PDB file of all heavy atoms in Angstrom:
ATOM      1  N   LEU A   1     124.505 -43.196 -39.180  1.00  0.00           N
ATOM      2  CA  LEU A   1     124.638 -43.625 -40.577  1.00  0.00           C
ATOM      3  C   LEU A   1     123.778 -42.815 -41.528  1.00  0.00           C
ATOM      4  O   LEU A   1     124.223 -42.365 -42.593  1.00  0.00           O
ATOM      5  CB  LEU A   1     124.317 -45.102 -40.708  1.00  0.00           C
ATOM      6  CG  LEU A   1     124.469 -45.751 -42.083  1.00  0.00           C
ATOM      7  CD1 LEU A   1     125.929 -45.715 -42.509  1.00  0.00           C
ATOM      8  CD2 LEU A   1     123.988 -47.200 -42.052  1.00  0.00           C
ATOM      9  N   LEU A   2     122.524 -42.573 -41.135  1.00  0.00           N
ATOM     10  CA  LEU A   2     121.555 -41.975 -42.060  1.00  0.00           C
ATOM     11  C   LEU A   2     121.025 -40.654 -41.485  1.00  0.00           C
ATOM     12  O   LEU A   2     120.389 -40.677 -40.416  1.00  0.00           O
ATOM     13  CB  LEU A   2     120.411 -42.909 -42.318  1.00  0.00           C
ATOM     14  CG  LEU A   2     120.765 -44.287 -42.944  1.00  0.00           C
ATOM     15  CD1 LEU A   2     119.557 -45.166 -42.992  1.00  0.00           C
ATOM     16  CD2 LEU A   2     121.364 -44.092 -44.328  1.00  0.00           C
ATOM     17  N   PRO A   3     121.222 -39.515 -42.154  1.00  0.00           N
ATOM     18  CA  PRO A   3     120.748 -38.268 -41.592  1.00  0.00           C
ATOM     19  C   PRO A   3     119.186 -38.228 -41.615  1.00  0.00           C
ATOM     20  O   PRO A   3     118.543 -38.770 -42.495  1.00  0.00           O
ATOM     21  CB  PRO A   3     121.310 -37.209 -42.566  1.00  0.00           C
ATOM     22  CG  PRO A   3     121.689 -37.968 -43.796  1.00  0.00           C
ATOM     23  CD  PRO A   3     122.002 -39.347 -43.376  1.00  0.00           C
ATOM     24  N   GLU A   4     118.653 -37.568 -40.626  1.00  0.00           N
ATOM     25  CA  GLU A   4     117.174 -37.484 -40.458  1.00  0.00           C
ATOM     26  C   GLU A   4     116.497 -36.836 -41.659  1.00  0.00           C
ATOM     27  O   GLU A   4     115.374 -37.206 -42.051  1.00  0.00           O
ATOM     28  CB  GLU A   4     116.843 -36.698 -39.204  1.00  0.00           C
ATOM     29  CG  GLU A   4     115.362 -36.683 -38.856  1.00  0.00           C
ATOM     30  CD  GLU A   4     115.123 -35.926 -37.579  1.00  0.00           C
ATOM     31  OE1 GLU A   4     116.089 -35.335 -36.990  1.00  0.00           O
ATOM     32  OE2 GLU A   4     113.976 -35.916 -37.101  1.00  0.00           O
ATOM     33  N   LYS A   5     117.181 -35.909 -42.334  1.00  0.00           N
ATOM     34  CA  LYS A   5     116.540 -35.177 -43.394  1.00  0.00           C
ATOM     35  C   LYS A   5     116.213 -36.028 -44.612  1.00  0.00           C
ATOM     36  O   LYS A   5     115.277 -35.713 -45.362  1.00  0.00           O
ATOM     37  CB  LYS A   5     117.440 -33.999 -43.859  1.00  0.00           C
ATOM     38  CG  LYS A   5     118.708 -34.419 -44.596  1.00  0.00           C
ATOM     39  CD  LYS A   5     119.430 -33.202 -45.163  1.00  0.00           C
ATOM     40  CE  LYS A   5     120.637 -33.624 -45.994  1.00  0.00           C
ATOM     41  NZ  LYS A   5     121.279 -32.448 -46.637  1.00  0.00           N
ATOM     42  N   ILE A   6     116.893 -37.153 -44.801  1.00  0.00           N
ATOM     43  CA  ILE A   6     116.569 -37.971 -45.994  1.00  0.00           C
ATOM     44  C   ILE A   6     115.163 -38.588 -45.858  1.00  0.00           C
ATOM     45  O   ILE A   6     114.479 -38.763 -46.866  1.00  0.00           O
ATOM     46  CB  ILE A   6     117.631 -39.060 -46.254  1.00  0.00           C
ATOM     47  CG1 ILE A   6     117.620 -40.119 -45.175  1.00  0.00           C
ATOM     48  CG2 ILE A   6     119.011 -38.461 -46.468  1.00  0.00           C
ATOM     49  CD1 ILE A   6     118.455 -41.373 -45.491  1.00  0.00           C
ATOM     50  N   TRP A   7     114.745 -38.881 -44.641  1.00  0.00           N
ATOM     51  CA  TRP A   7     113.426 -39.434 -44.427  1.00  0.00           C
ATOM     52  C   TRP A   7     112.364 -38.366 -44.589  1.00  0.00           C
ATOM     53  O   TRP A   7     111.316 -38.604 -45.247  1.00  0.00           O
ATOM     54  CB  TRP A   7     113.333 -40.055 -43.032  1.00  0.00           C
ATOM     55  CG  TRP A   7     114.328 -41.158 -42.823  1.00  0.00           C
ATOM     56  CD1 TRP A   7     115.573 -41.063 -42.259  1.00  0.00           C
ATOM     57  CD2 TRP A   7     114.204 -42.528 -43.281  1.00  0.00           C
ATOM     58  NE1 TRP A   7     116.210 -42.279 -42.280  1.00  0.00           N
ATOM     59  CE2 TRP A   7     115.417 -43.211 -42.911  1.00  0.00           C
ATOM     60  CE3 TRP A   7     113.193 -43.243 -43.927  1.00  0.00           C
ATOM     61  CZ2 TRP A   7     115.605 -44.570 -43.171  1.00  0.00           C
ATOM     62  CZ3 TRP A   7     113.399 -44.576 -44.188  1.00  0.00           C
ATOM     63  CH2 TRP A   7     114.574 -45.253 -43.831  1.00  0.00           C
ATOM     64  N   LYS A   8     112.655 -37.173 -44.064  1.00  0.00           N
ATOM     65  CA  LYS A   8     111.683 -36.061 -44.248  1.00  0.00           C
ATOM     66  C   LYS A   8     111.484 -35.683 -45.712  1.00  0.00           C
ATOM     67  O   LYS A   8     110.390 -35.463 -46.184  1.00  0.00           O
ATOM     68  CB  LYS A   8     112.154 -34.827 -43.456  1.00  0.00           C
ATOM     69  CG  LYS A   8     112.045 -35.010 -41.944  1.00  0.00           C
ATOM     70  CD  LYS A   8     112.528 -33.759 -41.208  1.00  0.00           C
ATOM     71  CE  LYS A   8     112.334 -33.924 -39.728  1.00  0.00           C
ATOM     72  NZ  LYS A   8     112.836 -32.716 -38.974  1.00  0.00           N
ATOM     73  N   GLU A   9     112.613 -35.648 -46.428  1.00  0.00           N
ATOM     74  CA  GLU A   9     112.577 -35.266 -47.860  1.00  0.00           C
ATOM     75  C   GLU A   9     111.826 -36.304 -48.671  1.00  0.00           C
ATOM     76  O   GLU A   9     111.068 -35.996 -49.597  1.00  0.00           O
ATOM     77  CB  GLU A   9     113.983 -35.040 -48.400  1.00  0.00           C
ATOM     78  CG  GLU A   9     114.623 -33.788 -47.878  1.00  0.00           C
ATOM     79  CD  GLU A   9     116.094 -33.662 -48.235  1.00  0.00           C
ATOM     80  OE1 GLU A   9     116.638 -34.616 -48.821  1.00  0.00           O
ATOM     81  OE2 GLU A   9     116.709 -32.616 -47.916  1.00  0.00           O
ATOM     82  N   ALA A  10     112.052 -37.579 -48.340  1.00  0.00           N
ATOM     83  CA  ALA A  10     111.352 -38.668 -49.079  1.00  0.00           C
ATOM     84  C   ALA A  10     109.850 -38.615 -48.857  1.00  0.00           C
ATOM     85  O   ALA A  10     109.055 -38.799 -49.752  1.00  0.00           O
ATOM     86  CB  ALA A  10     111.913 -40.013 -48.675  1.00  0.00           C
ATOM     87  N   LEU A  11     109.444 -38.335 -47.627  1.00  0.00           N
ATOM     88  CA  LEU A  11     108.021 -38.244 -47.298  1.00  0.00           C
ATOM     89  C   LEU A  11     107.381 -37.028 -47.970  1.00  0.00           C
ATOM     90  O   LEU A  11     106.237 -37.081 -48.437  1.00  0.00           O
ATOM     91  CB  LEU A  11     107.800 -38.165 -45.773  1.00  0.00           C
ATOM     92  CG  LEU A  11     107.915 -39.478 -45.060  1.00  0.00           C
ATOM     93  CD1 LEU A  11     107.906 -39.279 -43.538  1.00  0.00           C
ATOM     94  CD2 LEU A  11     106.806 -40.451 -45.432  1.00  0.00           C
ATOM     95  N   GLU A  12     108.120 -35.905 -48.029  1.00  0.00           N
ATOM     96  CA  GLU A  12     107.620 -34.730 -48.739  1.00  0.00           C
ATOM     97  C   GLU A  12     107.441 -35.028 -50.234  1.00  0.00           C
ATOM     98  O   GLU A  12     106.434 -34.638 -50.839  1.00  0.00           O
ATOM     99  CB  GLU A  12     108.614 -33.568 -48.527  1.00  0.00           C
ATOM    100  CG  GLU A  12     108.548 -32.970 -47.137  1.00  0.00           C
ATOM    101  CD  GLU A  12     109.635 -31.901 -46.889  1.00  0.00           C
ATOM    102  OE1 GLU A  12     110.330 -31.595 -47.888  1.00  0.00           O
ATOM    103  OE2 GLU A  12     109.785 -31.463 -45.768  1.00  0.00           O
ATOM    104  N   GLU A  13     108.424 -35.737 -50.780  1.00  0.00           N
ATOM    105  CA  GLU A  13     108.333 -36.144 -52.174  1.00  0.00           C
ATOM    106  C   GLU A  13     107.098 -37.000 -52.423  1.00  0.00           C
ATOM    107  O   GLU A  13     106.370 -36.826 -53.403  1.00  0.00           O
ATOM    108  CB  GLU A  13     109.610 -36.892 -52.607  1.00  0.00           C
ATOM    109  CG  GLU A  13     109.640 -37.329 -54.062  1.00  0.00           C
ATOM    110  CD  GLU A  13     110.859 -38.182 -54.381  1.00  0.00           C
ATOM    111  OE1 GLU A  13     111.713 -38.398 -53.487  1.00  0.00           O
ATOM    112  OE2 GLU A  13     110.927 -38.697 -55.521  1.00  0.00           O
ATOM    113  N   ALA A  14     106.857 -37.948 -51.517  1.00  0.00           N
ATOM    114  CA  ALA A  14     105.710 -38.849 -51.660  1.00  0.00           C
ATOM    115  C   ALA A  14     104.406 -38.048 -51.579  1.00  0.00           C
ATOM    116  O   ALA A  14     103.462 -38.321 -52.339  1.00  0.00           O
ATOM    117  CB  ALA A  14     105.736 -39.883 -50.530  1.00  0.00           C
ATOM    118  N   GLY A  15     104.358 -37.057 -50.679  1.00  0.00           N
ATOM    119  CA  GLY A  15     103.160 -36.249 -50.583  1.00  0.00           C
ATOM    120  C   GLY A  15     102.919 -35.379 -51.850  1.00  0.00           C
ATOM    121  O   GLY A  15     101.774 -35.207 -52.272  1.00  0.00           O
ATOM    122  N   ASP A  16     104.005 -34.918 -52.426  1.00  0.00           N
ATOM    123  CA  ASP A  16     103.911 -34.056 -53.620  1.00  0.00           C
ATOM    124  C   ASP A  16     103.358 -34.773 -54.862  1.00  0.00           C
ATOM    125  O   ASP A  16     102.717 -34.172 -55.674  1.00  0.00           O
ATOM    126  CB  ASP A  16     105.276 -33.425 -53.947  1.00  0.00           C
ATOM    127  CG  ASP A  16     105.685 -32.387 -52.939  1.00  0.00           C
ATOM    128  OD1 ASP A  16     104.853 -31.927 -52.158  1.00  0.00           O
ATOM    129  OD2 ASP A  16     106.927 -32.075 -52.901  1.00  0.00           O
ATOM    130  N   ILE A  17     103.668 -36.063 -54.967  1.00  0.00           N
ATOM    131  CA  ILE A  17     103.284 -36.781 -56.215  1.00  0.00           C
ATOM    132  C   ILE A  17     101.896 -37.468 -56.106  1.00  0.00           C
ATOM    133  O   ILE A  17     101.415 -37.959 -57.122  1.00  0.00           O
ATOM    134  CB  ILE A  17     104.333 -37.838 -56.636  1.00  0.00           C
ATOM    135  CG1 ILE A  17     104.407 -38.962 -55.597  1.00  0.00           C
ATOM    136  CG2 ILE A  17     105.697 -37.191 -56.829  1.00  0.00           C
ATOM    137  CD1 ILE A  17     105.225 -40.148 -56.104  1.00  0.00           C
ATOM    138  N   MET A  18     101.299 -37.460 -54.931  1.00  0.00           N
ATOM    139  CA  MET A  18     100.011 -38.101 -54.770  1.00  0.00           C
ATOM    140  C   MET A  18      98.940 -37.427 -55.678  1.00  0.00           C
ATOM    141  O   MET A  18      98.969 -36.220 -55.887  1.00  0.00           O
ATOM    142  CB  MET A  18      99.518 -38.030 -53.337  1.00  0.00           C
ATOM    143  CG  MET A  18     100.180 -39.026 -52.418  1.00  0.00           C
ATOM    144  SD  MET A  18      99.616 -38.800 -50.707  1.00  0.00           S
ATOM    145  CE  MET A  18      97.865 -39.037 -50.835  1.00  0.00           C
ATOM    146  N   LYS A  19      98.023 -38.259 -56.194  1.00  0.00           N
ATOM    147  CA  LYS A  19      96.909 -37.758 -56.995  1.00  0.00           C
ATOM    148  C   LYS A  19      95.601 -38.212 -56.364  1.00  0.00           C
ATOM    149  O   LYS A  19      94.917 -39.131 -56.920  1.00  0.00           O
ATOM    150  CB  LYS A  19      97.039 -38.232 -58.455  1.00  0.00           C
ATOM    151  CG  LYS A  19      98.258 -37.672 -59.145  1.00  0.00           C
ATOM    152  CD  LYS A  19      98.315 -38.137 -60.605  1.00  0.00           C
ATOM    153  CE  LYS A  19      99.486 -37.518 -61.308  1.00  0.00           C
ATOM    154  NZ  LYS A  19      99.559 -37.976 -62.724  1.00  0.00           N
ATOM    155  N   PRO A  20      95.215 -37.683 -55.227  1.00  0.00           N
ATOM    156  CA  PRO A  20      94.068 -38.192 -54.489  1.00  0.00           C
ATOM    157  C   PRO A  20      92.714 -38.009 -55.209  1.00  0.00           C
ATOM    158  O   PRO A  20      91.733 -38.664 -54.877  1.00  0.00           O
ATOM    159  CB  PRO A  20      94.080 -37.393 -53.178  1.00  0.00           C
ATOM    160  CG  PRO A  20      94.862 -36.164 -53.477  1.00  0.00           C
ATOM    161  CD  PRO A  20      95.846 -36.535 -54.528  1.00  0.00           C
ATOM    162  N   GLU A  21      92.680 -37.138 -56.210  1.00  0.00           N
ATOM    163  CA  GLU A  21      91.419 -36.866 -56.894  1.00  0.00           C
ATOM    164  C   GLU A  21      91.229 -37.751 -58.122  1.00  0.00           C
ATOM    165  O   GLU A  21      90.180 -37.656 -58.782  1.00  0.00           O
ATOM    166  CB  GLU A  21      91.349 -35.377 -57.299  1.00  0.00           C
ATOM    167  CG  GLU A  21      91.479 -34.371 -56.165  1.00  0.00           C
ATOM    168  CD  GLU A  21      90.502 -34.637 -55.059  1.00  0.00           C
ATOM    169  OE1 GLU A  21      89.311 -34.907 -55.353  1.00  0.00           O
ATOM    170  OE2 GLU A  21      90.879 -34.613 -53.879  1.00  0.00           O
ATOM    171  N   THR A  22      92.191 -38.583 -58.437  1.00  0.00           N
ATOM    172  CA  THR A  22      92.061 -39.434 -59.630  1.00  0.00           C
ATOM    173  C   THR A  22      90.805 -40.314 -59.527  1.00  0.00           C
ATOM    174  O   THR A  22      90.604 -41.019 -58.544  1.00  0.00           O
ATOM    175  CB  THR A  22      93.296 -40.382 -59.782  1.00  0.00           C
ATOM    176  OG1 THR A  22      94.447 -39.560 -59.944  1.00  0.00           O
ATOM    177  CG2 THR A  22      93.155 -41.294 -60.963  1.00  0.00           C
ATOM    178  N   GLU A  23      89.961 -40.212 -60.538  1.00  0.00           N
ATOM    179  CA  GLU A  23      88.744 -41.015 -60.540  1.00  0.00           C
ATOM    180  C   GLU A  23      89.064 -42.459 -60.900  1.00  0.00           C
ATOM    181  O   GLU A  23      89.869 -42.726 -61.809  1.00  0.00           O
ATOM    182  CB  GLU A  23      87.755 -40.406 -61.592  1.00  0.00           C
ATOM    183  CG  GLU A  23      86.365 -41.029 -61.508  1.00  0.00           C
ATOM    184  CD  GLU A  23      85.422 -40.380 -62.523  1.00  0.00           C
ATOM    185  OE1 GLU A  23      85.814 -39.378 -63.158  1.00  0.00           O
ATOM    186  OE2 GLU A  23      84.311 -40.942 -62.688  1.00  0.00           O
ATOM    187  N   LEU A  24      88.456 -43.409 -60.193  1.00  0.00           N
ATOM    188  CA  LEU A  24      88.828 -44.793 -60.390  1.00  0.00           C
ATOM    189  C   LEU A  24      87.583 -45.649 -60.662  1.00  0.00           C
ATOM    190  O   LEU A  24      86.479 -45.333 -60.233  1.00  0.00           O
ATOM    191  CB  LEU A  24      89.494 -45.327 -59.111  1.00  0.00           C
ATOM    192  CG  LEU A  24      90.765 -44.654 -58.677  1.00  0.00           C
ATOM    193  CD1 LEU A  24      91.257 -45.198 -57.338  1.00  0.00           C
ATOM    194  CD2 LEU A  24      91.862 -44.806 -59.715  1.00  0.00           C
ATOM    195  N   MET A  25      87.805 -46.750 -61.383  1.00  0.00           N
ATOM    196  CA  MET A  25      86.790 -47.775 -61.588  1.00  0.00           C
ATOM    197  C   MET A  25      87.381 -49.097 -61.121  1.00  0.00           C
ATOM    198  O   MET A  25      87.919 -49.880 -61.943  1.00  0.00           O
ATOM    199  CB  MET A  25      86.378 -47.831 -63.051  1.00  0.00           C
ATOM    200  CG  MET A  25      85.650 -46.618 -63.570  1.00  0.00           C
ATOM    201  SD  MET A  25      85.062 -46.866 -65.279  1.00  0.00           S
ATOM    202  CE  MET A  25      86.608 -47.015 -66.171  1.00  0.00           C
ATOM    203  N   ILE A  26      87.361 -49.327 -59.828  1.00  0.00           N
ATOM    204  CA  ILE A  26      87.906 -50.550 -59.265  1.00  0.00           C
ATOM    205  C   ILE A  26      86.865 -51.217 -58.413  1.00  0.00           C
ATOM    206  O   ILE A  26      86.235 -50.563 -57.559  1.00  0.00           O
ATOM    207  CB  ILE A  26      89.149 -50.235 -58.391  1.00  0.00           C
ATOM    208  CG1 ILE A  26      90.246 -49.561 -59.256  1.00  0.00           C
ATOM    209  CG2 ILE A  26      89.719 -51.494 -57.743  1.00  0.00           C
ATOM    210  CD1 ILE A  26      91.462 -49.098 -58.431  1.00  0.00           C
ATOM    211  N   GLN A  27      86.664 -52.508 -58.643  1.00  0.00           N
ATOM    212  CA  GLN A  27      85.650 -53.262 -57.916  1.00  0.00           C
ATOM    213  C   GLN A  27      86.189 -54.530 -57.360  1.00  0.00           C
ATOM    214  O   GLN A  27      87.061 -55.164 -57.939  1.00  0.00           O
ATOM    215  CB  GLN A  27      84.467 -53.578 -58.899  1.00  0.00           C
ATOM    216  CG  GLN A  27      83.805 -52.346 -59.495  1.00  0.00           C
ATOM    217  CD  GLN A  27      82.779 -52.719 -60.571  1.00  0.00           C
ATOM    218  OE1 GLN A  27      82.458 -53.895 -60.756  1.00  0.00           O
ATOM    219  NE2 GLN A  27      82.312 -51.693 -61.280  1.00  0.00           N
ATOM    220  N   GLY A  28      85.634 -54.918 -56.193  1.00  0.00           N
ATOM    221  CA  GLY A  28      86.026 -56.175 -55.588  1.00  0.00           C
ATOM    222  C   GLY A  28      84.804 -56.960 -55.204  1.00  0.00           C
ATOM    223  O   GLY A  28      83.857 -56.446 -54.612  1.00  0.00           O
ATOM    224  N   TYR A  29      84.757 -58.263 -55.625  1.00  0.00           N
ATOM    225  CA  TYR A  29      83.629 -59.140 -55.255  1.00  0.00           C
ATOM    226  C   TYR A  29      84.104 -60.265 -54.353  1.00  0.00           C
ATOM    227  O   TYR A  29      85.264 -60.691 -54.426  1.00  0.00           O
ATOM    228  CB  TYR A  29      83.031 -59.793 -56.515  1.00  0.00           C
ATOM    229  CG  TYR A  29      82.664 -58.918 -57.631  1.00  0.00           C
ATOM    230  CD1 TYR A  29      82.622 -59.427 -58.964  1.00  0.00           C
ATOM    231  CD2 TYR A  29      82.304 -57.582 -57.448  1.00  0.00           C
ATOM    232  CE1 TYR A  29      82.259 -58.649 -60.048  1.00  0.00           C
ATOM    233  CE2 TYR A  29      81.949 -56.772 -58.531  1.00  0.00           C
ATOM    234  CZ  TYR A  29      81.937 -57.321 -59.839  1.00  0.00           C
ATOM    235  OH  TYR A  29      81.589 -56.541 -60.890  1.00  0.00           O
ATOM    236  N   ASP A  30      83.214 -60.702 -53.539  1.00  0.00           N
ATOM    237  CA  ASP A  30      83.441 -61.953 -52.780  1.00  0.00           C
ATOM    238  C   ASP A  30      82.083 -62.514 -52.437  1.00  0.00           C
ATOM    239  O   ASP A  30      81.078 -61.776 -52.418  1.00  0.00           O
ATOM    240  CB  ASP A  30      84.231 -61.703 -51.500  1.00  0.00           C
ATOM    241  CG  ASP A  30      84.932 -62.977 -51.014  1.00  0.00           C
ATOM    242  OD1 ASP A  30      84.277 -63.793 -50.325  1.00  0.00           O
ATOM    243  OD2 ASP A  30      86.133 -63.182 -51.324  1.00  0.00           O
ATOM    244  N   ARG A  31      82.031 -63.818 -52.150  1.00  0.00           N
ATOM    245  CA  ARG A  31      80.737 -64.460 -51.867  1.00  0.00           C
ATOM    246  C   ARG A  31      80.384 -64.388 -50.389  1.00  0.00           C
ATOM    247  O   ARG A  31      79.271 -64.703 -50.021  1.00  0.00           O
ATOM    248  CB  ARG A  31      80.761 -65.900 -52.338  1.00  0.00           C
ATOM    249  CG  ARG A  31      81.744 -66.776 -51.597  1.00  0.00           C
ATOM    250  CD  ARG A  31      81.701 -68.195 -52.155  1.00  0.00           C
ATOM    251  NE  ARG A  31      82.552 -69.110 -51.385  1.00  0.00           N
ATOM    252  CZ  ARG A  31      82.642 -70.400 -51.596  1.00  0.00           C
ATOM    253  NH1 ARG A  31      81.929 -70.940 -52.585  1.00  0.00           N
ATOM    254  NH2 ARG A  31      83.401 -71.151 -50.859  1.00  0.00           N
ATOM    255  N   GLU A  32      81.302 -63.920 -49.538  1.00  0.00           N
ATOM    256  CA  GLU A  32      81.062 -63.868 -48.109  1.00  0.00           C
ATOM    257  C   GLU A  32      81.010 -62.431 -47.614  1.00  0.00           C
ATOM    258  O   GLU A  32      81.968 -61.674 -47.795  1.00  0.00           O
ATOM    259  CB  GLU A  32      82.151 -64.633 -47.373  1.00  0.00           C
ATOM    260  CG  GLU A  32      82.180 -66.116 -47.730  1.00  0.00           C
ATOM    261  CD  GLU A  32      83.326 -66.859 -47.036  1.00  0.00           C
ATOM    262  OE1 GLU A  32      83.792 -66.349 -45.993  1.00  0.00           O
ATOM    263  OE2 GLU A  32      83.776 -67.899 -47.557  1.00  0.00           O
ATOM    264  N   GLU A  33      79.923 -62.070 -46.970  1.00  0.00           N
ATOM    265  CA  GLU A  33      79.712 -60.700 -46.511  1.00  0.00           C
ATOM    266  C   GLU A  33      80.710 -60.312 -45.450  1.00  0.00           C
ATOM    267  O   GLU A  33      81.216 -59.164 -45.395  1.00  0.00           O
ATOM    268  CB  GLU A  33      78.317 -60.523 -45.969  1.00  0.00           C
ATOM    269  CG  GLU A  33      77.934 -59.074 -45.681  1.00  0.00           C
ATOM    270  CD  GLU A  33      78.087 -58.140 -46.850  1.00  0.00           C
ATOM    271  OE1 GLU A  33      77.610 -58.499 -47.961  1.00  0.00           O
ATOM    272  OE2 GLU A  33      78.706 -57.053 -46.714  1.00  0.00           O
ATOM    273  N   GLU A  34      81.086 -61.257 -44.574  1.00  0.00           N
ATOM    274  CA  GLU A  34      82.055 -60.967 -43.527  1.00  0.00           C
ATOM    275  C   GLU A  34      83.433 -60.596 -44.088  1.00  0.00           C
ATOM    276  O   GLU A  34      84.112 -59.705 -43.627  1.00  0.00           O
ATOM    277  CB  GLU A  34      82.210 -62.149 -42.570  1.00  0.00           C
ATOM    278  CG  GLU A  34      83.074 -61.839 -41.375  1.00  0.00           C
ATOM    279  CD  GLU A  34      83.126 -62.943 -40.378  1.00  0.00           C
ATOM    280  OE1 GLU A  34      82.236 -63.864 -40.389  1.00  0.00           O
ATOM    281  OE2 GLU A  34      84.061 -62.931 -39.547  1.00  0.00           O
ATOM    282  N   VAL A  35      83.820 -61.326 -45.170  1.00  0.00           N
ATOM    283  CA  VAL A  35      85.074 -61.029 -45.847  1.00  0.00           C
ATOM    284  C   VAL A  35      85.028 -59.643 -46.477  1.00  0.00           C
ATOM    285  O   VAL A  35      86.009 -58.868 -46.416  1.00  0.00           O
ATOM    286  CB  VAL A  35      85.364 -62.102 -46.881  1.00  0.00           C
ATOM    287  CG1 VAL A  35      86.533 -61.694 -47.800  1.00  0.00           C
ATOM    288  CG2 VAL A  35      85.694 -63.451 -46.221  1.00  0.00           C
ATOM    289  N   LEU A  36      83.901 -59.269 -47.047  1.00  0.00           N
ATOM    290  CA  LEU A  36      83.770 -57.967 -47.645  1.00  0.00           C
ATOM    291  C   LEU A  36      83.836 -56.828 -46.592  1.00  0.00           C
ATOM    292  O   LEU A  36      84.366 -55.754 -46.886  1.00  0.00           O
ATOM    293  CB  LEU A  36      82.457 -57.876 -48.429  1.00  0.00           C
ATOM    294  CG  LEU A  36      82.386 -58.702 -49.696  1.00  0.00           C
ATOM    295  CD1 LEU A  36      80.948 -58.739 -50.245  1.00  0.00           C
ATOM    296  CD2 LEU A  36      83.326 -58.119 -50.764  1.00  0.00           C
ATOM    297  N   ARG A  37      83.342 -57.113 -45.405  1.00  0.00           N
ATOM    298  CA  ARG A  37      83.457 -56.125 -44.332  1.00  0.00           C
ATOM    299  C   ARG A  37      84.942 -55.896 -44.005  1.00  0.00           C
ATOM    300  O   ARG A  37      85.346 -54.727 -43.733  1.00  0.00           O
ATOM    301  CB  ARG A  37      82.704 -56.615 -43.093  1.00  0.00           C
ATOM    302  CG  ARG A  37      81.205 -56.390 -43.150  1.00  0.00           C
ATOM    303  CD  ARG A  37      80.570 -56.462 -41.754  1.00  0.00           C
ATOM    304  NE  ARG A  37      80.573 -57.817 -41.282  1.00  0.00           N
ATOM    305  CZ  ARG A  37      79.602 -58.711 -41.480  1.00  0.00           C
ATOM    306  NH1 ARG A  37      78.557 -58.369 -42.182  1.00  0.00           N
ATOM    307  NH2 ARG A  37      79.681 -59.915 -40.984  1.00  0.00           N
ATOM    308  N   MET A  38      85.725 -56.962 -44.019  1.00  0.00           N
ATOM    309  CA  MET A  38      87.182 -56.816 -43.813  1.00  0.00           C
ATOM    310  C   MET A  38      87.796 -55.941 -44.901  1.00  0.00           C
ATOM    311  O   MET A  38      88.619 -55.080 -44.645  1.00  0.00           O
ATOM    312  CB  MET A  38      87.851 -58.193 -43.819  1.00  0.00           C
ATOM    313  CG  MET A  38      87.504 -59.104 -42.656  1.00  0.00           C
ATOM    314  SD  MET A  38      88.381 -60.705 -42.848  1.00  0.00           S
ATOM    315  CE  MET A  38      87.621 -61.638 -41.536  1.00  0.00           C
ATOM    316  N   ALA A  39      87.410 -56.243 -46.159  1.00  0.00           N
ATOM    317  CA  ALA A  39      87.972 -55.485 -47.302  1.00  0.00           C
ATOM    318  C   ALA A  39      87.615 -54.022 -47.176  1.00  0.00           C
ATOM    319  O   ALA A  39      88.471 -53.151 -47.419  1.00  0.00           O
ATOM    320  CB  ALA A  39      87.412 -56.063 -48.619  1.00  0.00           C
ATOM    321  N   ARG A  40      86.370 -53.705 -46.831  1.00  0.00           N
ATOM    322  CA  ARG A  40      85.970 -52.322 -46.722  1.00  0.00           C
ATOM    323  C   ARG A  40      86.739 -51.627 -45.567  1.00  0.00           C
ATOM    324  O   ARG A  40      87.154 -50.468 -45.693  1.00  0.00           O
ATOM    325  CB  ARG A  40      84.478 -52.229 -46.456  1.00  0.00           C
ATOM    326  CG  ARG A  40      83.628 -52.676 -47.662  1.00  0.00           C
ATOM    327  CD  ARG A  40      82.149 -52.386 -47.438  1.00  0.00           C
ATOM    328  NE  ARG A  40      81.372 -52.995 -48.538  1.00  0.00           N
ATOM    329  CZ  ARG A  40      80.651 -54.106 -48.413  1.00  0.00           C
ATOM    330  NH1 ARG A  40      80.616 -54.766 -47.269  1.00  0.00           N
ATOM    331  NH2 ARG A  40      79.948 -54.540 -49.454  1.00  0.00           N
ATOM    332  N   ALA A  41      86.934 -52.330 -44.478  1.00  0.00           N
ATOM    333  CA  ALA A  41      87.679 -51.772 -43.329  1.00  0.00           C
ATOM    334  C   ALA A  41      89.120 -51.524 -43.727  1.00  0.00           C
ATOM    335  O   ALA A  41      89.681 -50.479 -43.392  1.00  0.00           O
ATOM    336  CB  ALA A  41      87.612 -52.745 -42.153  1.00  0.00           C
ATOM    337  N   ASN A  42      89.756 -52.456 -44.448  1.00  0.00           N
ATOM    338  CA  ASN A  42      91.138 -52.256 -44.874  1.00  0.00           C
ATOM    339  C   ASN A  42      91.236 -51.054 -45.835  1.00  0.00           C
ATOM    340  O   ASN A  42      92.173 -50.258 -45.747  1.00  0.00           O
ATOM    341  CB  ASN A  42      91.641 -53.530 -45.562  1.00  0.00           C
ATOM    342  CG  ASN A  42      91.907 -54.652 -44.550  1.00  0.00           C
ATOM    343  OD1 ASN A  42      92.111 -54.399 -43.351  1.00  0.00           O
ATOM    344  ND2 ASN A  42      91.878 -55.886 -45.035  1.00  0.00           N
ATOM    345  N   ALA A  43      90.297 -50.955 -46.752  1.00  0.00           N
ATOM    346  CA  ALA A  43      90.292 -49.817 -47.685  1.00  0.00           C
ATOM    347  C   ALA A  43      90.162 -48.522 -46.928  1.00  0.00           C
ATOM    348  O   ALA A  43      90.831 -47.523 -47.283  1.00  0.00           O
ATOM    349  CB  ALA A  43      89.153 -49.978 -48.702  1.00  0.00           C
ATOM    350  N   GLY A  44      89.381 -48.538 -45.894  1.00  0.00           N
ATOM    351  CA  GLY A  44      89.229 -47.318 -45.034  1.00  0.00           C
ATOM    352  C   GLY A  44      90.532 -46.953 -44.375  1.00  0.00           C
ATOM    353  O   GLY A  44      90.898 -45.778 -44.314  1.00  0.00           O
TER     354      GLY A  44
END
């Protein structure tokens, strides 16, 4: 049903539009240190 190339082309498109150097000001707070460890691991 679906040619393999459509997946490759979509992934290439996704890679081309990324802006990994964009500077961000995003912060997350929580009152529990263990929960924050999960958040940091997920971000990683």
